[in-house]
């Protein structure tokens, strides 16, 4: 019997590398947002106010309902928090994505 091995769960969910990459990117964005909310000590009402969305939408975001949020929507949430992503290519040939919060 052959045992399958995956680098992440999304590769196991779909055989489409593009779809797996999108799912992983959205999951990473959701985790980044959650860490920002935790660092600020915000409850769901404060998050809803900051993002301009109803509280049930915040609940879906915090519960990781990845299928309900596009990459564009999640990047838009970061922008509303004055946070941007800055991808770059390092000297050792790796893609690095820096999360920058406006001062």
PDB file of N, CA and C in Angstrom:
ATOM      1  N   UNK A   1       0.846  -1.185   0.000  1.00  0.00           N
ATOM      2  CA  UNK A   1       0.000   0.000   0.000  1.00  0.00           C
ATOM      3  C   UNK A   1       0.887   1.242   0.000  1.00  0.00           C
ATOM      4  N   UNK A   2       0.589   2.179  -0.873  1.00  0.00           N
ATOM      5  CA  UNK A   2       1.348   3.414  -0.986  1.00  0.00           C
ATOM      6  C   UNK A   2       0.768   4.471  -0.062  1.00  0.00           C
ATOM      7  N   UNK A   3       1.638   5.140   0.659  1.00  0.00           N
ATOM      8  CA  UNK A   3       1.206   6.219   1.540  1.00  0.00           C
ATOM      9  C   UNK A   3       1.454   7.549   0.839  1.00  0.00           C
ATOM     10  N   UNK A   4       0.427   8.383   0.795  1.00  0.00           N
ATOM     11  CA  UNK A   4       0.543   9.686   0.158  1.00  0.00           C
ATOM     12  C   UNK A   4       1.058  10.704   1.166  1.00  0.00           C
ATOM     13  N   UNK A   5       1.828  11.656   0.687  1.00  0.00           N
ATOM     14  CA  UNK A   5       2.380  12.700   1.545  1.00  0.00           C
ATOM     15  C   UNK A   5       2.142  14.056   0.880  1.00  0.00           C
ATOM     16  N   UNK A   6       1.700  15.027   1.674  1.00  0.00           N
ATOM     17  CA  UNK A   6       1.409  16.359   1.161  1.00  0.00           C
ATOM     18  C   UNK A   6       2.092  17.408   2.024  1.00  0.00           C
ATOM     19  N   UNK A   7       2.469  18.521   1.382  1.00  0.00           N
ATOM     20  CA  UNK A   7       3.053  19.635   2.120  1.00  0.00           C
ATOM     21  C   UNK A   7       2.003  20.402   2.909  1.00  0.00           C
ATOM     22  N   UNK A   8       0.784  20.442   2.400  1.00  0.00           N
ATOM     23  CA  UNK A   8      -0.299  21.108   3.120  1.00  0.00           C
ATOM     24  C   UNK A   8      -1.620  20.442   2.796  1.00  0.00           C
ATOM     25  N   UNK A   9      -2.615  20.699   3.598  1.00  0.00           N
ATOM     26  CA  UNK A   9      -3.915  20.045   3.471  1.00  0.00           C
ATOM     27  C   UNK A   9      -4.597  20.363   2.143  1.00  0.00           C
ATOM     28  N   UNK A  10      -4.331  21.543   1.599  1.00  0.00           N
ATOM     29  CA  UNK A  10      -5.011  21.952   0.380  1.00  0.00           C
ATOM     30  C   UNK A  10      -4.564  21.152  -0.836  1.00  0.00           C
ATOM     31  N   UNK A  11      -3.333  20.664  -0.819  1.00  0.00           N
ATOM     32  CA  UNK A  11      -2.885  19.776  -1.890  1.00  0.00           C
ATOM     33  C   UNK A  11      -3.654  18.457  -1.848  1.00  0.00           C
ATOM     34  N   UNK A  12      -4.053  18.043  -0.649  1.00  0.00           N
ATOM     35  CA  UNK A  12      -4.809  16.803  -0.500  1.00  0.00           C
ATOM     36  C   UNK A  12      -6.271  16.979  -0.919  1.00  0.00           C
ATOM     37  N   UNK A  13      -6.797  18.190  -0.756  1.00  0.00           N
ATOM     38  CA  UNK A  13      -8.206  18.456  -1.064  1.00  0.00           C
ATOM     39  C   UNK A  13      -8.450  18.497  -2.562  1.00  0.00           C
ATOM     40  N   UNK A  14      -7.507  19.067  -3.290  1.00  0.00           N
ATOM     41  CA  UNK A  14      -7.691  19.222  -4.733  1.00  0.00           C
ATOM     42  C   UNK A  14      -6.419  18.838  -5.484  1.00  0.00           C
ATOM     43  N   UNK A  15      -6.597  18.303  -6.637  1.00  0.00           N
ATOM     44  CA  UNK A  15      -5.452  17.961  -7.472  1.00  0.00           C
ATOM     45  C   UNK A  15      -4.989  19.130  -8.332  1.00  0.00           C
ATOM     46  N   UNK A  16      -5.741  20.218  -8.283  1.00  0.00           N
ATOM     47  CA  UNK A  16      -5.429  21.413  -9.068  1.00  0.00           C
ATOM     48  C   UNK A  16      -4.483  22.313  -8.268  1.00  0.00           C
ATOM     49  N   UNK A  17      -3.243  22.450  -8.732  1.00  0.00           N
ATOM     50  CA  UNK A  17      -2.245  23.239  -8.003  1.00  0.00           C
ATOM     51  C   UNK A  17      -2.661  24.696  -7.849  1.00  0.00           C
ATOM     52  N   UNK A  18      -3.317  25.243  -8.844  1.00  0.00           N
ATOM     53  CA  UNK A  18      -3.770  26.626  -8.786  1.00  0.00           C
ATOM     54  C   UNK A  18      -4.832  26.807  -7.701  1.00  0.00           C
ATOM     55  N   UNK A  19      -5.767  25.901  -7.636  1.00  0.00           N
ATOM     56  CA  UNK A  19      -6.819  25.965  -6.622  1.00  0.00           C
ATOM     57  C   UNK A  19      -6.231  25.763  -5.224  1.00  0.00           C
ATOM     58  N   UNK A  20      -5.309  24.831  -5.088  1.00  0.00           N
ATOM     59  CA  UNK A  20      -4.660  24.595  -3.798  1.00  0.00           C
ATOM     60  C   UNK A  20      -3.892  25.833  -3.337  1.00  0.00           C
ATOM     61  N   UNK A  21      -3.215  26.488  -4.268  1.00  0.00           N
ATOM     62  CA  UNK A  21      -2.466  27.704  -3.932  1.00  0.00           C
ATOM     63  C   UNK A  21      -3.408  28.811  -3.492  1.00  0.00           C
ATOM     64  N   UNK A  22      -4.544  28.946  -4.171  1.00  0.00           N
ATOM     65  CA  UNK A  22      -5.524  29.963  -3.788  1.00  0.00           C
ATOM     66  C   UNK A  22      -6.092  29.683  -2.397  1.00  0.00           C
ATOM     67  N   UNK A  23      -6.421  28.441  -2.126  1.00  0.00           N
ATOM     68  CA  UNK A  23      -6.946  28.079  -0.805  1.00  0.00           C
ATOM     69  C   UNK A  23      -5.915  28.365   0.289  1.00  0.00           C
ATOM     70  N   UNK A  24      -4.682  28.011   0.024  1.00  0.00           N
ATOM     71  CA  UNK A  24      -3.624  28.247   1.015  1.00  0.00           C
ATOM     72  C   UNK A  24      -3.408  29.746   1.231  1.00  0.00           C
ATOM     73  N   UNK A  25      -3.433  30.534   0.162  1.00  0.00           N
ATOM     74  CA  UNK A  25      -3.266  31.978   0.267  1.00  0.00           C
ATOM     75  C   UNK A  25      -4.393  32.590   1.097  1.00  0.00           C
ATOM     76  N   UNK A  26      -5.640  32.183   0.814  1.00  0.00           N
ATOM     77  CA  UNK A  26      -6.774  32.708   1.583  1.00  0.00           C
ATOM     78  C   UNK A  26      -6.675  32.297   3.048  1.00  0.00           C
ATOM     79  N   UNK A  27      -6.261  31.072   3.312  1.00  0.00           N
ATOM     80  CA  UNK A  27      -6.097  30.633   4.699  1.00  0.00           C
ATOM     81  C   UNK A  27      -5.023  31.468   5.404  1.00  0.00           C
ATOM     82  N   UNK A  28      -3.920  31.739   4.718  1.00  0.00           N
ATOM     83  CA  UNK A  28      -2.860  32.564   5.296  1.00  0.00           C
ATOM     84  C   UNK A  28      -3.359  33.983   5.578  1.00  0.00           C
ATOM     85  N   UNK A  29      -4.163  34.537   4.667  1.00  0.00           N
ATOM     86  CA  UNK A  29      -4.724  35.867   4.886  1.00  0.00           C
ATOM     87  C   UNK A  29      -5.656  35.881   6.094  1.00  0.00           C
ATOM     88  N   UNK A  30      -6.473  34.845   6.213  1.00  0.00           N
ATOM     89  CA  UNK A  30      -7.397  34.763   7.349  1.00  0.00           C
ATOM     90  C   UNK A  30      -6.631  34.654   8.661  1.00  0.00           C
ATOM     91  N   UNK A  31      -5.572  33.877   8.685  1.00  0.00           N
ATOM     92  CA  UNK A  31      -4.759  33.756   9.900  1.00  0.00           C
ATOM     93  C   UNK A  31      -4.073  35.076  10.242  1.00  0.00           C
ATOM     94  N   UNK A  32      -3.618  35.794   9.225  1.00  0.00           N
ATOM     95  CA  UNK A  32      -2.999  37.098   9.450  1.00  0.00           C
ATOM     96  C   UNK A  32      -4.010  38.064  10.065  1.00  0.00           C
ATOM     97  N   UNK A  33      -5.217  38.087   9.511  1.00  0.00           N
ATOM     98  CA  UNK A  33      -6.262  38.946  10.069  1.00  0.00           C
ATOM     99  C   UNK A  33      -6.567  38.577  11.512  1.00  0.00           C
ATOM    100  N   UNK A  34      -6.685  37.288  11.782  1.00  0.00           N
ATOM    101  CA  UNK A  34      -6.976  36.846  13.150  1.00  0.00           C
ATOM    102  C   UNK A  34      -5.883  37.298  14.120  1.00  0.00           C
ATOM    103  N   UNK A  35      -4.624  37.191  13.718  1.00  0.00           N
ATOM    104  CA  UNK A  35      -3.519  37.631  14.579  1.00  0.00           C
ATOM    105  C   UNK A  35      -3.567  39.127  14.837  1.00  0.00           C
ATOM    106  N   UNK A  36      -3.946  39.901  13.820  1.00  0.00           N
ATOM    107  CA  UNK A  36      -4.083  41.351  13.993  1.00  0.00           C
ATOM    108  C   UNK A  36      -5.190  41.645  15.001  1.00  0.00           C
ATOM    109  N   UNK A  37      -6.331  40.986  14.859  1.00  0.00           N
ATOM    110  CA  UNK A  37      -7.443  41.207  15.781  1.00  0.00           C
ATOM    111  C   UNK A  37      -7.049  40.844  17.213  1.00  0.00           C
ATOM    112  N   UNK A  38      -6.361  39.724  17.375  1.00  0.00           N
ATOM    113  CA  UNK A  38      -5.925  39.298  18.704  1.00  0.00           C
ATOM    114  C   UNK A  38      -4.932  40.282  19.303  1.00  0.00           C
ATOM    115  N   UNK A  39      -4.000  40.786  18.483  1.00  0.00           N
ATOM    116  CA  UNK A  39      -3.011  41.745  18.967  1.00  0.00           C
ATOM    117  C   UNK A  39      -3.681  43.043  19.420  1.00  0.00           C
ATOM    118  N   UNK A  40      -4.760  43.418  18.755  1.00  0.00           N
ATOM    119  CA  UNK A  40      -5.478  44.640  19.110  1.00  0.00           C
ATOM    120  C   UNK A  40      -6.465  44.408  20.249  1.00  0.00           C
ATOM    121  N   UNK A  41      -6.723  43.143  20.569  1.00  0.00           N
ATOM    122  CA  UNK A  41      -7.659  42.816  21.637  1.00  0.00           C
ATOM    123  C   UNK A  41      -9.110  43.117  21.287  1.00  0.00           C
ATOM    124  N   UNK A  42      -9.423  43.072  19.993  1.00  0.00           N
ATOM    125  CA  UNK A  42     -10.770  43.405  19.541  1.00  0.00           C
ATOM    126  C   UNK A  42     -11.735  42.241  19.710  1.00  0.00           C
ATOM    127  N   UNK A  43     -12.974  42.577  20.081  1.00  0.00           N
ATOM    128  CA  UNK A  43     -14.046  41.581  20.073  1.00  0.00           C
ATOM    129  C   UNK A  43     -14.727  41.646  18.709  1.00  0.00           C
ATOM    130  N   UNK A  44     -15.721  40.789  18.492  1.00  0.00           N
ATOM    131  CA  UNK A  44     -16.361  40.726  17.174  1.00  0.00           C
ATOM    132  C   UNK A  44     -17.040  42.036  16.794  1.00  0.00           C
ATOM    133  N   UNK A  45     -17.602  42.749  17.753  1.00  0.00           N
ATOM    134  CA  UNK A  45     -18.254  44.028  17.448  1.00  0.00           C
ATOM    135  C   UNK A  45     -17.224  45.050  16.956  1.00  0.00           C
ATOM    136  N   UNK A  46     -16.055  45.108  17.587  1.00  0.00           N
ATOM    137  CA  UNK A  46     -15.004  46.041  17.170  1.00  0.00           C
ATOM    138  C   UNK A  46     -14.476  45.678  15.783  1.00  0.00           C
ATOM    139  N   UNK A  47     -14.334  44.393  15.531  1.00  0.00           N
ATOM    140  CA  UNK A  47     -13.871  43.932  14.218  1.00  0.00           C
ATOM    141  C   UNK A  47     -14.887  44.312  13.144  1.00  0.00           C
ATOM    142  N   UNK A  48     -16.169  44.065  13.425  1.00  0.00           N
ATOM    143  CA  UNK A  48     -17.230  44.394  12.471  1.00  0.00           C
ATOM    144  C   UNK A  48     -17.218  45.881  12.149  1.00  0.00           C
ATOM    145  N   UNK A  49     -17.035  46.709  13.167  1.00  0.00           N
ATOM    146  CA  UNK A  49     -16.991  48.158  12.966  1.00  0.00           C
ATOM    147  C   UNK A  49     -15.791  48.553  12.103  1.00  0.00           C
ATOM    148  N   UNK A  50     -14.628  47.979  12.392  1.00  0.00           N
ATOM    149  CA  UNK A  50     -13.407  48.315  11.651  1.00  0.00           C
ATOM    150  C   UNK A  50     -13.483  47.868  10.191  1.00  0.00           C
ATOM    151  N   UNK A  51     -14.106  46.732   9.942  1.00  0.00           N
ATOM    152  CA  UNK A  51     -14.180  46.198   8.576  1.00  0.00           C
ATOM    153  C   UNK A  51     -15.415  46.670   7.818  1.00  0.00           C
ATOM    154  N   UNK A  52     -16.386  47.234   8.539  1.00  0.00           N
ATOM    155  CA  UNK A  52     -17.615  47.682   7.894  1.00  0.00           C
ATOM    156  C   UNK A  52     -18.496  46.543   7.428  1.00  0.00           C
ATOM    157  N   UNK A  53     -18.525  45.470   8.231  1.00  0.00           N
ATOM    158  CA  UNK A  53     -19.342  44.302   7.895  1.00  0.00           C
ATOM    159  C   UNK A  53     -20.205  43.944   9.100  1.00  0.00           C
ATOM    160  N   UNK A  54     -21.293  43.191   8.886  1.00  0.00           N
ATOM    161  CA  UNK A  54     -22.109  42.750  10.023  1.00  0.00           C
ATOM    162  C   UNK A  54     -21.368  41.711  10.878  1.00  0.00           C
ATOM    163  N   UNK A  55     -21.734  41.632  12.138  1.00  0.00           N
ATOM    164  CA  UNK A  55     -21.078  40.706  13.074  1.00  0.00           C
ATOM    165  C   UNK A  55     -21.130  39.255  12.614  1.00  0.00           C
ATOM    166  N   UNK A  56     -22.232  38.757  12.022  1.00  0.00           N
ATOM    167  CA  UNK A  56     -22.212  37.366  11.554  1.00  0.00           C
ATOM    168  C   UNK A  56     -21.106  37.098  10.520  1.00  0.00           C
ATOM    169  N   UNK A  57     -20.792  38.118   9.715  1.00  0.00           N
ATOM    170  CA  UNK A  57     -19.709  37.964   8.724  1.00  0.00           C
ATOM    171  C   UNK A  57     -18.368  37.820   9.442  1.00  0.00           C
ATOM    172  N   UNK A  58     -18.182  38.560  10.534  1.00  0.00           N
ATOM    173  CA  UNK A  58     -16.961  38.451  11.333  1.00  0.00           C
ATOM    174  C   UNK A  58     -16.859  37.047  11.919  1.00  0.00           C
ATOM    175  N   UNK A  59     -17.956  36.530  12.392  1.00  0.00           N
ATOM    176  CA  UNK A  59     -17.978  35.177  12.949  1.00  0.00           C
ATOM    177  C   UNK A  59     -17.529  34.154  11.904  1.00  0.00           C
ATOM    178  N   UNK A  60     -18.014  34.302  10.676  1.00  0.00           N
ATOM    179  CA  UNK A  60     -17.601  33.395   9.595  1.00  0.00           C
ATOM    180  C   UNK A  60     -16.102  33.511   9.327  1.00  0.00           C
ATOM    181  N   UNK A  61     -15.597  34.733   9.363  1.00  0.00           N
ATOM    182  CA  UNK A  61     -14.168  34.967   9.147  1.00  0.00           C
ATOM    183  C   UNK A  61     -13.339  34.304  10.244  1.00  0.00           C
ATOM    184  N   UNK A  62     -13.731  34.520  11.495  1.00  0.00           N
ATOM    185  CA  UNK A  62     -12.964  33.978  12.621  1.00  0.00           C
ATOM    186  C   UNK A  62     -13.061  32.460  12.724  1.00  0.00           C
ATOM    187  N   UNK A  63     -14.132  31.900  12.214  1.00  0.00           N
ATOM    188  CA  UNK A  63     -14.291  30.440  12.230  1.00  0.00           C
ATOM    189  C   UNK A  63     -13.630  29.773  11.030  1.00  0.00           C
ATOM    190  N   UNK A  64     -12.987  30.585  10.175  1.00  0.00           N
ATOM    191  CA  UNK A  64     -12.229  30.014   9.065  1.00  0.00           C
ATOM    192  C   UNK A  64     -13.068  29.504   7.917  1.00  0.00           C
ATOM    193  N   UNK A  65     -14.215  30.089   7.689  1.00  0.00           N
ATOM    194  CA  UNK A  65     -15.088  29.678   6.581  1.00  0.00           C
ATOM    195  C   UNK A  65     -14.486  30.171   5.262  1.00  0.00           C
ATOM    196  N   UNK A  66     -13.413  29.523   4.877  1.00  0.00           N
ATOM    197  CA  UNK A  66     -12.595  29.958   3.745  1.00  0.00           C
ATOM    198  C   UNK A  66     -13.377  30.065   2.438  1.00  0.00           C
ATOM    199  N   UNK A  67     -14.354  29.202   2.248  1.00  0.00           N
ATOM    200  CA  UNK A  67     -15.120  29.200   1.007  1.00  0.00           C
ATOM    201  C   UNK A  67     -16.006  30.442   0.850  1.00  0.00           C
ATOM    202  N   UNK A  68     -16.193  31.219   1.921  1.00  0.00           N
ATOM    203  CA  UNK A  68     -17.057  32.395   1.870  1.00  0.00           C
ATOM    204  C   UNK A  68     -16.308  33.698   1.575  1.00  0.00           C
ATOM    205  N   UNK A  69     -14.970  33.635   1.475  1.00  0.00           N
ATOM    206  CA  UNK A  69     -14.171  34.838   1.306  1.00  0.00           C
ATOM    207  C   UNK A  69     -13.196  34.684   0.143  1.00  0.00           C
ATOM    208  N   UNK A  70     -13.224  35.647  -0.768  1.00  0.00           N
ATOM    209  CA  UNK A  70     -12.263  35.657  -1.869  1.00  0.00           C
ATOM    210  C   UNK A  70     -10.961  36.298  -1.392  1.00  0.00           C
ATOM    211  N   UNK A  71      -9.903  36.071  -2.142  1.00  0.00           N
ATOM    212  CA  UNK A  71      -8.623  36.724  -1.839  1.00  0.00           C
ATOM    213  C   UNK A  71      -8.784  38.237  -1.879  1.00  0.00           C
ATOM    214  N   UNK A  72      -9.522  38.727  -2.876  1.00  0.00           N
ATOM    215  CA  UNK A  72      -9.745  40.169  -3.007  1.00  0.00           C
ATOM    216  C   UNK A  72     -10.419  40.743  -1.761  1.00  0.00           C
ATOM    217  N   UNK A  73     -11.429  40.057  -1.255  1.00  0.00           N
ATOM    218  CA  UNK A  73     -12.154  40.524  -0.072  1.00  0.00           C
ATOM    219  C   UNK A  73     -11.225  40.563   1.141  1.00  0.00           C
ATOM    220  N   UNK A  74     -10.415  39.533   1.322  1.00  0.00           N
ATOM    221  CA  UNK A  74      -9.508  39.468   2.466  1.00  0.00           C
ATOM    222  C   UNK A  74      -8.422  40.534   2.383  1.00  0.00           C
ATOM    223  N   UNK A  75      -7.903  40.778   1.183  1.00  0.00           N
ATOM    224  CA  UNK A  75      -6.918  41.842   0.998  1.00  0.00           C
ATOM    225  C   UNK A  75      -7.576  43.194   1.271  1.00  0.00           C
ATOM    226  N   UNK A  76      -8.826  43.334   0.879  1.00  0.00           N
ATOM    227  CA  UNK A  76      -9.580  44.556   1.171  1.00  0.00           C
ATOM    228  C   UNK A  76      -9.742  44.771   2.672  1.00  0.00           C
ATOM    229  N   UNK A  77      -9.975  43.706   3.418  1.00  0.00           N
ATOM    230  CA  UNK A  77     -10.062  43.813   4.882  1.00  0.00           C
ATOM    231  C   UNK A  77      -8.735  44.307   5.449  1.00  0.00           C
ATOM    232  N   UNK A  78      -7.635  43.762   4.952  1.00  0.00           N
ATOM    233  CA  UNK A  78      -6.316  44.226   5.414  1.00  0.00           C
ATOM    234  C   UNK A  78      -6.134  45.713   5.108  1.00  0.00           C
ATOM    235  N   UNK A  79      -6.560  46.144   3.926  1.00  0.00           N
ATOM    236  CA  UNK A  79      -6.433  47.553   3.547  1.00  0.00           C
ATOM    237  C   UNK A  79      -7.241  48.444   4.488  1.00  0.00           C
ATOM    238  N   UNK A  80      -8.425  47.990   4.896  1.00  0.00           N
ATOM    239  CA  UNK A  80      -9.241  48.769   5.833  1.00  0.00           C
ATOM    240  C   UNK A  80      -8.548  48.922   7.184  1.00  0.00           C
ATOM    241  N   UNK A  81      -7.639  48.005   7.484  1.00  0.00           N
ATOM    242  CA  UNK A  81      -6.877  48.062   8.742  1.00  0.00           C
ATOM    243  C   UNK A  81      -5.532  48.758   8.537  1.00  0.00           C
ATOM    244  N   UNK A  82      -5.333  49.352   7.358  1.00  0.00           N
ATOM    245  CA  UNK A  82      -4.066  50.009   6.989  1.00  0.00           C
ATOM    246  C   UNK A  82      -2.892  49.032   7.005  1.00  0.00           C
ATOM    247  N   UNK A  83      -3.148  47.840   6.508  1.00  0.00           N
ATOM    248  CA  UNK A  83      -2.123  46.798   6.415  1.00  0.00           C
ATOM    249  C   UNK A  83      -2.005  46.399   4.946  1.00  0.00           C
ATOM    250  N   UNK A  84      -0.780  46.220   4.484  1.00  0.00           N
ATOM    251  CA  UNK A  84      -0.585  45.763   3.110  1.00  0.00           C
ATOM    252  C   UNK A  84       0.420  44.623   3.073  1.00  0.00           C
ATOM    253  N   UNK A  85       0.344  43.853   2.012  1.00  0.00           N
ATOM    254  CA  UNK A  85       1.276  42.760   1.782  1.00  0.00           C
ATOM    255  C   UNK A  85       2.298  43.229   0.761  1.00  0.00           C
ATOM    256  N   UNK A  86       3.556  42.936   1.023  1.00  0.00           N
ATOM    257  CA  UNK A  86       4.616  43.340   0.097  1.00  0.00           C
ATOM    258  C   UNK A  86       5.450  42.113  -0.256  1.00  0.00           C
ATOM    259  N   UNK A  87       5.098  41.439  -1.357  1.00  0.00           N
ATOM    260  CA  UNK A  87       5.898  40.282  -1.778  1.00  0.00           C
ATOM    261  C   UNK A  87       7.198  40.733  -2.434  1.00  0.00           C
ATOM    262  N   UNK A  88       8.234  39.948  -2.234  1.00  0.00           N
ATOM    263  CA  UNK A  88       9.523  40.224  -2.862  1.00  0.00           C
ATOM    264  C   UNK A  88      10.256  38.909  -3.086  1.00  0.00           C
ATOM    265  N   UNK A  89      11.371  39.004  -3.775  1.00  0.00           N
ATOM    266  CA  UNK A  89      12.188  37.838  -4.107  1.00  0.00           C
ATOM    267  C   UNK A  89      13.518  38.002  -3.396  1.00  0.00           C
ATOM    268  N   UNK A  90      13.867  37.066  -2.525  1.00  0.00           N
ATOM    269  CA  UNK A  90      15.078  37.178  -1.718  1.00  0.00           C
ATOM    270  C   UNK A  90      16.329  36.755  -2.490  1.00  0.00           C
ATOM    271  N   UNK A  91      17.483  37.077  -1.918  1.00  0.00           N
ATOM    272  CA  UNK A  91      18.761  36.743  -2.542  1.00  0.00           C
ATOM    273  C   UNK A  91      18.945  35.231  -2.694  1.00  0.00           C
ATOM    274  N   UNK A  92      18.318  34.455  -1.800  1.00  0.00           N
ATOM    275  CA  UNK A  92      18.439  32.998  -1.896  1.00  0.00           C
ATOM    276  C   UNK A  92      17.304  32.376  -2.716  1.00  0.00           C
ATOM    277  N   UNK A  93      16.692  33.201  -3.585  1.00  0.00           N
ATOM    278  CA  UNK A  93      15.710  32.750  -4.573  1.00  0.00           C
ATOM    279  C   UNK A  93      14.410  32.221  -3.953  1.00  0.00           C
ATOM    280  N   UNK A  94      13.950  32.889  -2.913  1.00  0.00           N
ATOM    281  CA  UNK A  94      12.678  32.534  -2.289  1.00  0.00           C
ATOM    282  C   UNK A  94      11.747  33.741  -2.337  1.00  0.00           C
ATOM    283  N   UNK A  95      10.471  33.459  -2.501  1.00  0.00           N
ATOM    284  CA  UNK A  95       9.476  34.524  -2.451  1.00  0.00           C
ATOM    285  C   UNK A  95       9.156  34.770  -0.984  1.00  0.00           C
ATOM    286  N   UNK A  96       9.222  36.033  -0.601  1.00  0.00           N
ATOM    287  CA  UNK A  96       8.959  36.449   0.777  1.00  0.00           C
ATOM    288  C   UNK A  96       7.824  37.459   0.741  1.00  0.00           C
ATOM    289  N   UNK A  97       6.897  37.358   1.663  1.00  0.00           N
ATOM    290  CA  UNK A  97       5.793  38.305   1.721  1.00  0.00           C
ATOM    291  C   UNK A  97       5.807  38.975   3.095  1.00  0.00           C
ATOM    292  N   UNK A  98       6.056  40.254   3.075  1.00  0.00           N
ATOM    293  CA  UNK A  98       6.099  41.038   4.305  1.00  0.00           C
ATOM    294  C   UNK A  98       4.734  41.658   4.551  1.00  0.00           C
ATOM    295  N   UNK A  99       4.293  41.642   5.810  1.00  0.00           N
ATOM    296  CA  UNK A  99       3.038  42.285   6.206  1.00  0.00           C
ATOM    297  C   UNK A  99       3.425  43.615   6.830  1.00  0.00           C
ATOM    298  N   UNK A 100       2.948  44.726   6.206  1.00  0.00           N
ATOM    299  CA  UNK A 100       3.338  46.066   6.643  1.00  0.00           C
ATOM    300  C   UNK A 100       2.116  46.800   7.175  1.00  0.00           C
ATOM    301  N   UNK A 101       2.226  47.275   8.398  1.00  0.00           N
ATOM    302  CA  UNK A 101       1.156  48.042   9.021  1.00  0.00           C
ATOM    303  C   UNK A 101       1.538  49.519   8.998  1.00  0.00           C
ATOM    304  N   UNK A 102       0.628  50.356   8.513  1.00  0.00           N
ATOM    305  CA  UNK A 102       0.893  51.796   8.451  1.00  0.00           C
ATOM    306  C   UNK A 102       1.074  52.346   9.864  1.00  0.00           C
ATOM    307  N   UNK A 103       1.974  53.294   9.994  1.00  0.00           N
ATOM    308  CA  UNK A 103       2.246  53.877  11.318  1.00  0.00           C
ATOM    309  C   UNK A 103       1.192  54.863  11.719  1.00  0.00           C
TER     310      UNK A 103
END
